Protein backbone atom coordinates (compact mmCIF):
# COMPACT_ATOMS: atom_id res chain seq x y z
CA MET A 1 -28.16 44.32 -77.24
CA LEU A 2 -26.19 44.64 -74.02
CA VAL A 3 -28.77 42.64 -72.07
CA ASN A 4 -28.82 40.00 -74.79
CA LEU A 5 -25.04 39.75 -74.67
CA TRP A 6 -24.49 39.61 -70.92
CA LEU A 7 -27.62 37.74 -69.77
CA VAL A 8 -28.20 35.34 -72.65
CA LEU A 9 -25.20 34.94 -74.91
CA TRP A 10 -22.25 34.92 -72.54
CA PRO A 11 -23.57 32.40 -69.93
CA HIS A 12 -24.46 29.93 -72.67
CA GLN A 13 -21.21 30.52 -74.52
CA LYS A 14 -19.23 29.64 -71.38
CA LYS A 15 -20.97 26.24 -71.31
CA VAL A 16 -20.31 25.62 -75.00
CA LEU A 17 -16.62 26.51 -74.65
CA GLY A 18 -16.21 24.34 -71.57
CA PHE A 19 -15.48 27.09 -69.03
CA VAL A 20 -18.49 25.86 -67.03
CA PRO A 21 -19.17 22.13 -66.62
CA ALA A 22 -22.21 20.97 -68.62
CA THR A 23 -23.57 17.74 -70.06
CA LEU A 24 -23.46 17.06 -73.80
CA GLU A 25 -27.22 17.65 -74.18
CA GLU A 26 -26.94 20.96 -72.37
CA ARG A 27 -24.02 22.01 -74.58
CA VAL A 28 -26.01 21.26 -77.73
CA ARG A 29 -28.98 23.27 -76.41
CA CYS A 30 -26.70 26.14 -75.40
CA ALA A 31 -25.02 26.10 -78.83
CA ARG A 32 -28.40 26.65 -80.51
CA ILE A 33 -29.34 29.45 -78.09
CA THR A 34 -25.94 31.07 -78.61
CA PHE A 35 -26.34 30.89 -82.39
CA LEU A 36 -29.77 32.55 -82.33
CA SER A 37 -28.71 35.17 -79.79
CA SER A 38 -25.65 36.08 -81.84
CA ARG A 39 -27.77 36.41 -84.96
CA THR A 40 -30.19 38.67 -83.07
CA ASN A 41 -27.33 40.90 -81.93
CA THR A 42 -26.12 41.18 -85.52
CA MET A 43 -29.55 42.19 -86.78
CA LEU A 44 -29.93 44.76 -83.97
CA SER A 45 -26.53 46.29 -84.71
CA ILE A 46 -27.45 47.23 -88.30
CA PRO A 47 -30.02 49.93 -87.36
CA LEU A 48 -27.76 51.04 -84.51
CA LEU A 49 -24.88 51.71 -86.89
CA PHE A 50 -27.20 53.43 -89.38
CA PHE A 51 -28.58 55.84 -86.79
CA MET A 52 -25.11 56.52 -85.38
CA ALA A 53 -23.93 57.53 -88.86
CA ALA A 54 -27.11 59.43 -89.66
CA GLY A 55 -26.81 61.44 -86.45
CA SER A 56 -23.68 63.19 -87.62
CA HIS A 57 -23.96 62.84 -91.40
CA GLY A 58 -27.73 62.69 -91.88
CA VAL A 59 -28.03 66.27 -93.11
CA ALA A 60 -26.15 65.30 -96.27
CA LEU A 61 -28.53 62.38 -96.84
CA PHE A 62 -31.77 64.34 -96.51
CA ALA A 63 -30.81 67.77 -97.88
């Protein structure tokens, strides 16, 4: 998730927001990549949160 955020999402997001100069076509392409990368991060965070909670409270779930 960290690699996805710092190496994929953030550089493209800077172009979409206008922090880095980019053409209109490049902004549209970066917007799509940013959308898919953000969705991937959301889907990866669900199991992460589950296993974080199960690590300390999992005994109650499986006892």
